[in-house]
C-alpha atoms as a PDB file:
ATOM      1  CA  MET A   1     -23.271  53.086 -16.630  1.00  0.00           C
ATOM      2  CA  GLN A   2     -25.722  50.197 -17.204  1.00  0.00           C
ATOM      3  CA  ARG A   3     -23.540  48.722 -19.953  1.00  0.00           C
ATOM      4  CA  ARG A   4     -20.400  48.847 -17.725  1.00  0.00           C
ATOM      5  CA  LYS A   5     -22.220  47.157 -14.970  1.00  0.00           C
ATOM      6  CA  VAL A   6     -23.408  44.305 -17.309  1.00  0.00           C
ATOM      7  CA  PHE A   7     -20.131  44.005 -18.706  1.00  0.00           C
ATOM      8  CA  VAL A   8     -18.345  43.662 -15.223  1.00  0.00           C
ATOM      9  CA  MET A   9     -21.183  41.119 -14.134  1.00  0.00           C
ATOM     10  CA  GLY A  10     -20.517  39.073 -17.251  1.00  0.00           C
ATOM     11  CA  LEU A  11     -16.933  39.182 -16.929  1.00  0.00           C
ATOM     12  CA  SER A  12     -17.045  38.159 -13.271  1.00  0.00           C
ATOM     13  CA  LEU A  13     -19.426  35.303 -14.147  1.00  0.00           C
ATOM     14  CA  ALA A  14     -17.094  34.063 -16.886  1.00  0.00           C
ATOM     15  CA  CYS A  15     -14.006  34.194 -14.670  1.00  0.00           C
ATOM     16  CA  GLY A  16     -15.934  32.467 -11.851  1.00  0.00           C
ATOM     17  CA  LEU A  17     -17.112  29.601 -14.230  1.00  0.00           C
ATOM     18  CA  GLY A  18     -13.487  29.287 -15.613  1.00  0.00           C
ATOM     19  CA  LEU A  19     -12.107  28.849 -12.130  1.00  0.00           C
ATOM     20  CA  PHE A  20     -14.853  26.395 -11.371  1.00  0.00           C
ATOM     21  CA  LEU A  21     -14.055  24.194 -14.408  1.00  0.00           C
ATOM     22  CA  LEU A  22     -10.314  24.083 -14.007  1.00  0.00           C
ATOM     23  CA  PRO A  23      -8.875  21.444 -11.852  1.00  0.00           C
ATOM     24  CA  PRO A  24      -6.749  22.572  -8.887  1.00  0.00           C
ATOM     25  CA  ALA A  25      -3.099  22.961  -9.864  1.00  0.00           C
ATOM     26  CA  SER A  26      -2.011  20.277  -7.416  1.00  0.00           C
ATOM     27  CA  ALA A  27      -4.554  17.712  -8.631  1.00  0.00           C
ATOM     28  CA  ALA A  28      -1.935  15.956 -10.776  1.00  0.00           C
ATOM     29  CA  GLU A  29       0.554  15.894  -7.867  1.00  0.00           C
ATOM     30  CA  GLU A  30      -2.151  14.498  -5.494  1.00  0.00           C
ATOM     31  CA  LYS A  31      -2.867  11.722  -7.992  1.00  0.00           C
ATOM     32  CA  ALA A  32       0.801  10.914  -8.489  1.00  0.00           C
ATOM     33  CA  GLY A  33       1.504   9.677  -5.007  1.00  0.00           C
ATOM     34  CA  GLN A  34       4.662   9.687  -3.008  1.00  0.00           C
ATOM     35  CA  THR A  35       7.884   8.216  -4.267  1.00  0.00           C
ATOM     36  CA  ILE A  36       9.994   6.368  -1.741  1.00  0.00           C
ATOM     37  CA  GLN A  37      13.378   4.598  -1.908  1.00  0.00           C
ATOM     38  CA  VAL A  38      13.297   0.747  -1.593  1.00  0.00           C
ATOM     39  CA  GLY A  39      16.868  -0.191  -1.004  1.00  0.00           C
ATOM     40  CA  PRO A  40      19.851   1.781  -2.410  1.00  0.00           C
ATOM     41  CA  ASP A  41      18.836   1.165  -6.099  1.00  0.00           C
ATOM     42  CA  LEU A  42      15.060   1.030  -6.555  1.00  0.00           C
ATOM     43  CA  LYS A  43      12.151   3.471  -6.093  1.00  0.00           C
ATOM     44  CA  MET A  44       8.443   2.903  -5.783  1.00  0.00           C
ATOM     45  CA  THR A  45       5.354   5.356  -5.875  1.00  0.00           C
ATOM     46  CA  VAL A  46       2.926   4.907  -3.085  1.00  0.00           C
ATOM     47  CA  PRO A  47      -0.730   5.687  -3.962  1.00  0.00           C
ATOM     48  CA  ALA A  48      -1.618   9.309  -2.845  1.00  0.00           C
ATOM     49  CA  GLU A  49      -4.567   8.084  -0.770  1.00  0.00           C
ATOM     50  CA  TRP A  50      -2.286   6.182   1.511  1.00  0.00           C
ATOM     51  CA  SER A  51      -1.120   8.269   4.468  1.00  0.00           C
ATOM     52  CA  ARG A  52       2.456   8.224   5.440  1.00  0.00           C
ATOM     53  CA  LYS A  53       2.929   7.283   9.204  1.00  0.00           C
ATOM     54  CA  THR A  54       5.709   7.254  11.713  1.00  0.00           C
ATOM     55  CA  PRO A  55       6.698   3.489  11.810  1.00  0.00           C
ATOM     56  CA  ARG A  56       5.677   1.651  14.980  1.00  0.00           C
ATOM     57  CA  VAL A  57       8.956  -0.073  15.199  1.00  0.00           C
ATOM     58  CA  LYS A  58      12.463   1.128  14.241  1.00  0.00           C
ATOM     59  CA  ILE A  59      13.233  -1.716  11.624  1.00  0.00           C
ATOM     60  CA  VAL A  60      10.373  -0.500   9.467  1.00  0.00           C
ATOM     61  CA  GLU A  61      11.572   2.216   6.960  1.00  0.00           C
ATOM     62  CA  HIS A  62       8.365   3.226   5.645  1.00  0.00           C
ATOM     63  CA  GLU A  63       4.800   2.890   7.031  1.00  0.00           C
ATOM     64  CA  PHE A  64       1.468   3.941   5.544  1.00  0.00           C
ATOM     65  CA  ALA A  65      -2.089   3.842   6.751  1.00  0.00           C
ATOM     66  CA  ILE A  66      -4.552   2.549   4.169  1.00  0.00           C
ATOM     67  CA  PRO A  67      -8.113   3.745   4.002  1.00  0.00           C
ATOM     68  CA  GLY A  68     -10.837   1.328   5.131  1.00  0.00           C
ATOM     69  CA  GLY A  69     -12.831  -0.515   2.419  1.00  0.00           C
ATOM     70  CA  GLU A  70     -16.612  -0.157   2.155  1.00  0.00           C
ATOM     71  CA  GLY A  71     -18.217  -0.784   5.499  1.00  0.00           C
ATOM     72  CA  GLU A  72     -14.751  -1.073   7.125  1.00  0.00           C
ATOM     73  CA  GLU A  73     -13.848   1.114  10.128  1.00  0.00           C
ATOM     74  CA  SER A  74     -10.341  -0.282  10.370  1.00  0.00           C
ATOM     75  CA  ALA A  75      -7.569   1.057   8.272  1.00  0.00           C
ATOM     76  CA  GLY A  76      -4.941  -1.240   6.709  1.00  0.00           C
ATOM     77  CA  ARG A  77      -1.266  -0.966   7.054  1.00  0.00           C
ATOM     78  CA  MET A  78       1.589  -1.013   4.758  1.00  0.00           C
ATOM     79  CA  THR A  79       5.170  -1.460   5.750  1.00  0.00           C
ATOM     80  CA  VAL A  80       8.490  -1.438   3.906  1.00  0.00           C
ATOM     81  CA  MET A  81      11.756  -2.925   5.445  1.00  0.00           C
ATOM     82  CA  VAL A  82      14.760  -4.862   4.694  1.00  0.00           C
ATOM     83  CA  ALA A  83      15.371  -8.157   6.638  1.00  0.00           C
ATOM     84  CA  GLY A  84      17.361 -11.321   6.299  1.00  0.00           C
ATOM     85  CA  GLY A  85      16.384 -14.890   5.555  1.00  0.00           C
ATOM     86  CA  SER A  86      15.570 -16.572   2.396  1.00  0.00           C
ATOM     87  CA  VAL A  87      12.527 -15.842   0.291  1.00  0.00           C
ATOM     88  CA  GLU A  88      11.077 -19.290   0.955  1.00  0.00           C
ATOM     89  CA  ALA A  89      11.697 -18.899   4.693  1.00  0.00           C
ATOM     90  CA  ASN A  90       9.973 -15.492   4.852  1.00  0.00           C
ATOM     91  CA  VAL A  91       7.004 -16.684   2.871  1.00  0.00           C
ATOM     92  CA  GLU A  92       6.627 -19.759   5.125  1.00  0.00           C
ATOM     93  CA  ARG A  93       6.725 -17.260   8.252  1.00  0.00           C
ATOM     94  CA  TRP A  94       4.029 -15.092   6.857  1.00  0.00           C
ATOM     95  CA  LEU A  95       1.789 -18.055   5.935  1.00  0.00           C
ATOM     96  CA  GLY A  96       2.415 -19.067   9.602  1.00  0.00           C
ATOM     97  CA  GLN A  97       0.862 -15.881  11.020  1.00  0.00           C
ATOM     98  CA  PHE A  98      -2.465 -16.861   9.510  1.00  0.00           C
ATOM     99  CA  THR A  99      -4.791 -19.543  10.490  1.00  0.00           C
ATOM    100  CA  GLN A 100      -8.000 -20.715   8.833  1.00  0.00           C
ATOM    101  CA  PRO A 101     -11.245 -20.684  10.766  1.00  0.00           C
ATOM    102  CA  ASP A 102     -12.108 -24.204   9.445  1.00  0.00           C
ATOM    103  CA  GLY A 103      -8.584 -25.481  10.509  1.00  0.00           C
ATOM    104  CA  SER A 104      -7.526 -26.098   6.967  1.00  0.00           C
ATOM    105  CA  SER A 105      -4.102 -25.366   5.584  1.00  0.00           C
ATOM    106  CA  THR A 106      -3.324 -21.776   5.093  1.00  0.00           C
ATOM    107  CA  ALA A 107      -0.503 -22.703   2.685  1.00  0.00           C
ATOM    108  CA  GLU A 108      -2.941 -24.417   0.462  1.00  0.00           C
ATOM    109  CA  LYS A 109      -5.243 -21.383   0.173  1.00  0.00           C
ATOM    110  CA  ALA A 110      -2.515 -18.820  -0.206  1.00  0.00           C
ATOM    111  CA  LYS A 111      -1.305 -17.655  -3.562  1.00  0.00           C
ATOM    112  CA  THR A 112       2.362 -17.040  -4.325  1.00  0.00           C
ATOM    113  CA  GLU A 113       3.728 -15.821  -7.634  1.00  0.00           C
ATOM    114  CA  LYS A 114       6.961 -14.494  -9.158  1.00  0.00           C
ATOM    115  CA  LYS A 115       7.137 -11.534 -11.323  1.00  0.00           C
ATOM    116  CA  GLN A 116       9.986  -9.727 -13.189  1.00  0.00           C
ATOM    117  CA  VAL A 117       9.907  -6.087 -12.066  1.00  0.00           C
ATOM    118  CA  ALA A 118      12.984  -3.633 -12.717  1.00  0.00           C
ATOM    119  CA  GLY A 119      15.224  -6.484 -13.783  1.00  0.00           C
ATOM    120  CA  THR A 120      14.675  -8.500 -10.578  1.00  0.00           C
ATOM    121  CA  GLU A 121      12.432 -11.441  -9.647  1.00  0.00           C
ATOM    122  CA  VAL A 122       9.819 -10.255  -7.153  1.00  0.00           C
ATOM    123  CA  THR A 123       7.719 -12.830  -4.979  1.00  0.00           C
ATOM    124  CA  VAL A 124       4.263 -11.703  -4.336  1.00  0.00           C
ATOM    125  CA  VAL A 125       2.053 -13.379  -1.582  1.00  0.00           C
ATOM    126  CA  ASP A 126      -1.787 -13.215  -1.141  1.00  0.00           C
ATOM    127  CA  VAL A 127      -2.965 -14.755   2.100  1.00  0.00           C
ATOM    128  CA  SER A 128      -6.036 -14.330   4.216  1.00  0.00           C
ATOM    129  CA  GLY A 129      -7.585 -15.884   7.413  1.00  0.00           C
ATOM    130  CA  THR A 130      -7.110 -15.049  11.134  1.00  0.00           C
ATOM    131  CA  TYR A 131      -4.012 -13.016  11.389  1.00  0.00           C
ATOM    132  CA  ARG A 132      -1.815 -13.135  14.487  1.00  0.00           C
ATOM    133  CA  ASP A 133      -0.717  -9.471  14.707  1.00  0.00           C
ATOM    134  CA  SER A 134       2.362  -9.058  16.962  1.00  0.00           C
ATOM    135  CA  ARG A 135       3.829  -5.579  17.661  1.00  0.00           C
ATOM    136  CA  GLY A 136       7.164  -6.997  18.420  1.00  0.00           C
ATOM    137  CA  PRO A 137       9.059 -10.152  19.418  1.00  0.00           C
ATOM    138  CA  PHE A 138       8.206  -9.982  23.103  1.00  0.00           C
ATOM    139  CA  ALA A 139       4.603  -8.643  22.686  1.00  0.00           C
ATOM    140  CA  PRO A 140       1.661 -10.956  22.808  1.00  0.00           C
ATOM    141  CA  ALA A 141      -0.067 -11.555  19.407  1.00  0.00           C
ATOM    142  CA  VAL A 142      -3.481 -10.113  18.909  1.00  0.00           C
ATOM    143  CA  GLU A 143      -5.816 -12.368  16.732  1.00  0.00           C
ATOM    144  CA  ARG A 144      -7.600 -10.502  13.839  1.00  0.00           C
ATOM    145  CA  PRO A 145     -10.122 -12.621  12.121  1.00  0.00           C
ATOM    146  CA  GLY A 146     -11.135 -11.784   8.537  1.00  0.00           C
ATOM    147  CA  TYR A 147      -7.570 -10.223   7.768  1.00  0.00           C
ATOM    148  CA  ARG A 148      -5.767 -10.368   4.383  1.00  0.00           C
ATOM    149  CA  MET A 149      -2.175  -9.654   3.528  1.00  0.00           C
ATOM    150  CA  LEU A 150      -0.615  -8.769   0.210  1.00  0.00           C
ATOM    151  CA  ALA A 151       3.115  -8.850   0.324  1.00  0.00           C
ATOM    152  CA  ALA A 152       6.119  -8.550  -1.986  1.00  0.00           C
ATOM    153  CA  ILE A 153       9.812  -9.624  -1.431  1.00  0.00           C
ATOM    154  CA  VAL A 154      12.099  -7.438  -3.629  1.00  0.00           C
ATOM    155  CA  PRO A 155      15.724  -8.396  -3.765  1.00  0.00           C
ATOM    156  CA  THR A 156      18.043  -5.229  -3.819  1.00  0.00           C
ATOM    157  CA  SER A 157      21.914  -5.109  -3.451  1.00  0.00           C
ATOM    158  CA  GLN A 158      21.295  -4.339   0.249  1.00  0.00           C
ATOM    159  CA  GLY A 159      19.181  -7.419   0.906  1.00  0.00           C
ATOM    160  CA  ASN A 160      15.532  -8.413   0.502  1.00  0.00           C
ATOM    161  CA  TYR A 161      13.014  -5.737   0.963  1.00  0.00           C
ATOM    162  CA  PHE A 162       9.526  -6.695   2.330  1.00  0.00           C
ATOM    163  CA  ILE A 163       6.428  -4.589   1.316  1.00  0.00           C
ATOM    164  CA  LYS A 164       3.505  -5.725   3.277  1.00  0.00           C
ATOM    165  CA  LEU A 165      -0.011  -4.611   3.097  1.00  0.00           C
ATOM    166  CA  TYR A 166      -2.510  -6.007   5.560  1.00  0.00           C
ATOM    167  CA  GLY A 167      -5.763  -5.253   7.084  1.00  0.00           C
ATOM    168  CA  PRO A 168      -9.412  -6.193   6.994  1.00  0.00           C
ATOM    169  CA  LYS A 169     -10.222  -8.263   3.910  1.00  0.00           C
ATOM    170  CA  LYS A 170     -12.623  -5.430   2.485  1.00  0.00           C
ATOM    171  CA  THR A 171      -9.845  -2.765   2.984  1.00  0.00           C
ATOM    172  CA  ILE A 172      -7.212  -4.889   1.277  1.00  0.00           C
ATOM    173  CA  ALA A 173      -9.712  -5.818  -1.648  1.00  0.00           C
ATOM    174  CA  ALA A 174     -10.322  -2.083  -2.146  1.00  0.00           C
ATOM    175  CA  ASN A 175      -6.644  -1.467  -2.433  1.00  0.00           C
ATOM    176  CA  GLU A 176      -5.544  -4.517  -4.253  1.00  0.00           C
ATOM    177  CA  LYS A 177      -5.135  -3.033  -7.612  1.00  0.00           C
ATOM    178  CA  ALA A 178      -3.385  -0.087  -6.292  1.00  0.00           C
ATOM    179  CA  PHE A 179      -0.923  -2.426  -4.470  1.00  0.00           C
ATOM    180  CA  ALA A 180      -0.420  -4.422  -7.734  1.00  0.00           C
ATOM    181  CA  LYS A 181       0.337  -1.212  -9.727  1.00  0.00           C
ATOM    182  CA  MET A 182       2.687   0.045  -7.077  1.00  0.00           C
ATOM    183  CA  ILE A 183       4.706  -3.220  -7.202  1.00  0.00           C
ATOM    184  CA  GLU A 184       4.559  -3.437 -11.005  1.00  0.00           C
ATOM    185  CA  GLY A 185       5.894   0.187 -11.125  1.00  0.00           C
ATOM    186  CA  ILE A 186       8.923  -0.439  -9.063  1.00  0.00           C
ATOM    187  CA  ARG A 187      11.923   1.019 -11.011  1.00  0.00           C
ATOM    188  CA  LYS A 188      15.663   1.534 -10.826  1.00  0.00           C
ATOM    189  CA  GLY A 189      16.773   4.893  -9.252  1.00  0.00           C
END
């Protein structure tokens, strides 16, 4: 009887430790993120930590809330949408949404680069300052000091897709590498 009791307790302990040491079955899925369509011919995997939201406006196809950076209460926002206009005109418009506290030129402080991704030239913009956040063409803009935007223009057969990540500087800094990895990971499909 005593031997059986020791055996059962030992077996229970071993099983319990085994379960404790194994990662949950869904851990790989959680780290993989969500795959979304970008136009008719491209796909992109969004980090798992970013939460899908119902878009605030109908022209936005995908929207995600981005967790706040260290010491930040406010989350960031990422949107994906198709729109018209040239790459240059849209970059200029984005830069025009920011002003600098010292009155200097936003265009001179912003960074713009072109990358080859999935066989197409993607334009990536990094801009910060006071962001004039507008909820629509007729809504008044709200000034948000200390904001930053990382954005990419991805040409597709359906037009240019805009992938914009913006929010408080610390929030965007905490998610900068994830954004870069997401953009560089765009693939045909």
